[in-house]
Amino acid sequence: MNRVLLVESPIDAMSLAVLDRAQRGPEGVSIYLSTDGSGGVPVEALKTVLRSGGVVAAGFDADGAGETMA
């Protein structure tokens, strides 16, 4: 399964990659993507992932910027 996991900061993406190591199977691809705070989200690329049967998940901080990104 192909997965894209969105988080706010680069350190969040690196931390998630380490913590998620046990969840990743030998098949498929996991991408840990930072929006760099309140940066842009590659919506069209994410739609392509979803159309191909992949998973997109978001994990943002529980503050104003995180709520806006979610």
N, C-alpha and C. Protein backbone atom coordinates (compact mmCIF):
# COMPACT_ATOMS: atom_id res chain seq x y z
N MET A 1 0.84 -1.18 0.00
CA MET A 1 0.00 0.00 0.00
C MET A 1 0.89 1.24 0.00
N ASN A 2 0.51 2.21 -0.75
CA ASN A 2 1.22 3.48 -0.78
C ASN A 2 0.54 4.45 0.18
N ARG A 3 1.36 5.13 1.00
CA ARG A 3 0.82 6.05 2.00
C ARG A 3 1.56 7.37 1.94
N VAL A 4 0.82 8.46 2.14
CA VAL A 4 1.41 9.77 2.34
C VAL A 4 0.91 10.26 3.69
N LEU A 5 1.84 10.58 4.58
CA LEU A 5 1.51 11.06 5.91
C LEU A 5 1.98 12.50 6.02
N LEU A 6 1.02 13.42 6.17
CA LEU A 6 1.32 14.85 6.22
C LEU A 6 1.47 15.31 7.67
N VAL A 7 2.50 16.09 7.93
CA VAL A 7 2.71 16.69 9.24
C VAL A 7 3.17 18.14 9.02
N GLU A 8 3.24 18.90 10.12
CA GLU A 8 3.57 20.32 9.98
C GLU A 8 5.05 20.61 9.75
N SER A 9 5.93 20.01 10.52
CA SER A 9 7.34 20.41 10.45
C SER A 9 8.23 19.26 9.98
N PRO A 10 9.42 19.60 9.49
CA PRO A 10 10.35 18.55 9.07
C PRO A 10 10.72 17.61 10.22
N ILE A 11 10.88 18.12 11.43
CA ILE A 11 11.22 17.25 12.55
C ILE A 11 10.06 16.30 12.86
N ASP A 12 8.82 16.76 12.67
CA ASP A 12 7.66 15.87 12.83
C ASP A 12 7.71 14.73 11.82
N ALA A 13 8.08 15.05 10.58
CA ALA A 13 8.16 14.03 9.53
C ALA A 13 9.23 13.00 9.84
N MET A 14 10.39 13.47 10.30
CA MET A 14 11.46 12.53 10.64
C MET A 14 11.09 11.68 11.84
N SER A 15 10.47 12.29 12.84
CA SER A 15 10.06 11.54 14.03
C SER A 15 9.02 10.49 13.68
N LEU A 16 8.04 10.87 12.85
CA LEU A 16 7.01 9.93 12.45
C LEU A 16 7.60 8.76 11.67
N ALA A 17 8.56 9.04 10.81
CA ALA A 17 9.19 7.97 10.04
C ALA A 17 9.84 6.94 10.96
N VAL A 18 10.49 7.41 12.01
CA VAL A 18 11.13 6.49 12.95
C VAL A 18 10.08 5.72 13.74
N LEU A 19 9.07 6.42 14.24
CA LEU A 19 8.04 5.77 15.05
C LEU A 19 7.18 4.81 14.23
N ASP A 20 7.03 5.11 12.95
CA ASP A 20 6.17 4.32 12.08
C ASP A 20 6.88 3.11 11.49
N ARG A 21 8.15 2.97 11.76
CA ARG A 21 8.95 1.90 11.15
C ARG A 21 8.30 0.52 11.30
N ALA A 22 7.74 0.24 12.46
CA ALA A 22 7.13 -1.08 12.70
C ALA A 22 5.85 -1.28 11.88
N GLN A 23 5.18 -0.20 11.49
CA GLN A 23 3.93 -0.31 10.74
C GLN A 23 4.14 -0.53 9.26
N ARG A 24 5.30 -0.19 8.77
CA ARG A 24 5.57 -0.31 7.33
C ARG A 24 5.80 -1.76 6.97
N GLY A 25 5.15 -2.20 5.94
CA GLY A 25 5.38 -3.55 5.45
C GLY A 25 6.46 -3.54 4.40
N PRO A 26 6.84 -4.71 3.92
CA PRO A 26 7.89 -4.79 2.91
C PRO A 26 7.44 -4.27 1.54
N GLU A 27 6.12 -4.21 1.34
CA GLU A 27 5.60 -3.76 0.05
C GLU A 27 5.05 -2.35 0.18
N GLY A 28 5.05 -1.63 -0.91
CA GLY A 28 4.47 -0.30 -0.92
C GLY A 28 5.48 0.75 -0.50
N VAL A 29 4.99 1.97 -0.50
CA VAL A 29 5.83 3.12 -0.21
C VAL A 29 5.13 3.99 0.82
N SER A 30 5.89 4.48 1.78
CA SER A 30 5.38 5.47 2.74
C SER A 30 6.18 6.75 2.54
N ILE A 31 5.46 7.85 2.39
CA ILE A 31 6.09 9.15 2.24
C ILE A 31 5.68 10.00 3.43
N TYR A 32 6.66 10.57 4.10
CA TYR A 32 6.43 11.43 5.26
C TYR A 32 6.69 12.86 4.78
N LEU A 33 5.64 13.65 4.69
CA LEU A 33 5.70 14.95 4.03
C LEU A 33 5.41 16.08 5.01
N SER A 34 6.31 17.04 5.06
CA SER A 34 6.12 18.21 5.91
C SER A 34 5.54 19.34 5.08
N THR A 35 4.56 20.03 5.66
CA THR A 35 4.00 21.22 5.00
C THR A 35 4.77 22.46 5.38
N ASP A 36 5.82 22.30 6.22
CA ASP A 36 6.68 23.39 6.67
C ASP A 36 5.86 24.49 7.35
N GLY A 37 5.15 24.09 8.39
CA GLY A 37 4.30 25.03 9.13
C GLY A 37 2.99 25.20 8.42
N SER A 38 2.72 26.38 7.96
CA SER A 38 1.46 26.62 7.26
C SER A 38 1.70 26.75 5.76
N GLY A 39 2.65 25.96 5.25
CA GLY A 39 2.96 25.98 3.83
C GLY A 39 1.89 25.30 3.00
N GLY A 40 2.15 25.19 1.74
CA GLY A 40 1.18 24.61 0.83
C GLY A 40 1.11 23.09 0.90
N VAL A 41 -0.02 22.59 0.50
CA VAL A 41 -0.24 21.14 0.44
C VAL A 41 -0.40 20.78 -1.04
N PRO A 42 0.34 19.78 -1.53
CA PRO A 42 0.25 19.39 -2.95
C PRO A 42 -1.03 18.61 -3.23
N VAL A 43 -2.13 19.31 -3.28
CA VAL A 43 -3.45 18.70 -3.38
C VAL A 43 -3.58 17.79 -4.59
N GLU A 44 -3.14 18.23 -5.75
CA GLU A 44 -3.29 17.41 -6.96
C GLU A 44 -2.49 16.11 -6.85
N ALA A 45 -1.30 16.18 -6.31
CA ALA A 45 -0.50 14.96 -6.13
C ALA A 45 -1.17 14.02 -5.14
N LEU A 46 -1.77 14.57 -4.09
CA LEU A 46 -2.44 13.73 -3.11
C LEU A 46 -3.69 13.09 -3.70
N LYS A 47 -4.39 13.80 -4.57
CA LYS A 47 -5.55 13.22 -5.25
C LYS A 47 -5.13 12.02 -6.10
N THR A 48 -3.97 12.11 -6.73
CA THR A 48 -3.45 11.00 -7.53
C THR A 48 -3.19 9.78 -6.65
N VAL A 49 -2.63 10.00 -5.47
CA VAL A 49 -2.38 8.90 -4.54
C VAL A 49 -3.71 8.23 -4.17
N LEU A 50 -4.71 9.03 -3.86
CA LEU A 50 -6.02 8.49 -3.46
C LEU A 50 -6.68 7.73 -4.61
N ARG A 51 -6.60 8.28 -5.82
CA ARG A 51 -7.21 7.61 -6.98
C ARG A 51 -6.57 6.25 -7.26
N SER A 52 -5.30 6.11 -6.90
CA SER A 52 -4.61 4.84 -7.17
C SER A 52 -4.75 3.87 -6.01
N GLY A 53 -5.62 4.18 -5.05
CA GLY A 53 -5.87 3.26 -3.94
C GLY A 53 -4.96 3.46 -2.74
N GLY A 54 -4.19 4.54 -2.75
CA GLY A 54 -3.30 4.84 -1.63
C GLY A 54 -4.05 5.51 -0.49
N VAL A 55 -3.32 5.80 0.56
CA VAL A 55 -3.87 6.41 1.77
C VAL A 55 -3.17 7.74 2.01
N VAL A 56 -3.94 8.76 2.36
CA VAL A 56 -3.40 10.05 2.77
C VAL A 56 -3.91 10.33 4.17
N ALA A 57 -2.99 10.61 5.09
CA ALA A 57 -3.37 10.93 6.47
C ALA A 57 -2.64 12.20 6.89
N ALA A 58 -3.28 12.97 7.76
CA ALA A 58 -2.69 14.22 8.24
C ALA A 58 -2.64 14.22 9.75
N GLY A 59 -1.56 14.74 10.29
CA GLY A 59 -1.40 14.91 11.73
C GLY A 59 -0.79 16.27 12.00
N PHE A 60 -1.61 17.20 12.49
CA PHE A 60 -1.16 18.55 12.74
C PHE A 60 -1.33 18.92 14.19
N ASP A 61 -0.62 19.96 14.63
CA ASP A 61 -0.71 20.44 16.00
C ASP A 61 -2.13 20.93 16.32
N ALA A 62 -2.48 20.88 17.58
CA ALA A 62 -3.81 21.36 18.02
C ALA A 62 -3.72 22.84 18.36
N ASP A 63 -3.39 23.64 17.36
CA ASP A 63 -3.36 25.08 17.53
C ASP A 63 -3.99 25.71 16.28
N GLY A 64 -3.99 27.01 16.20
CA GLY A 64 -4.64 27.68 15.07
C GLY A 64 -4.10 27.26 13.72
N ALA A 65 -2.78 27.24 13.59
CA ALA A 65 -2.17 26.85 12.31
C ALA A 65 -2.49 25.40 11.98
N GLY A 66 -2.44 24.53 12.96
CA GLY A 66 -2.74 23.12 12.74
C GLY A 66 -4.18 22.91 12.33
N GLU A 67 -5.08 23.63 12.96
CA GLU A 67 -6.51 23.54 12.60
C GLU A 67 -6.74 24.01 11.18
N THR A 68 -6.05 25.08 10.78
CA THR A 68 -6.19 25.61 9.43
C THR A 68 -5.69 24.59 8.40
N MET A 69 -4.54 23.99 8.68
CA MET A 69 -3.99 23.01 7.74
C MET A 69 -4.88 21.76 7.66
N ALA A 70 -5.41 21.32 8.78
CA ALA A 70 -6.29 20.14 8.77
C ALA A 70 -7.52 20.42 7.95
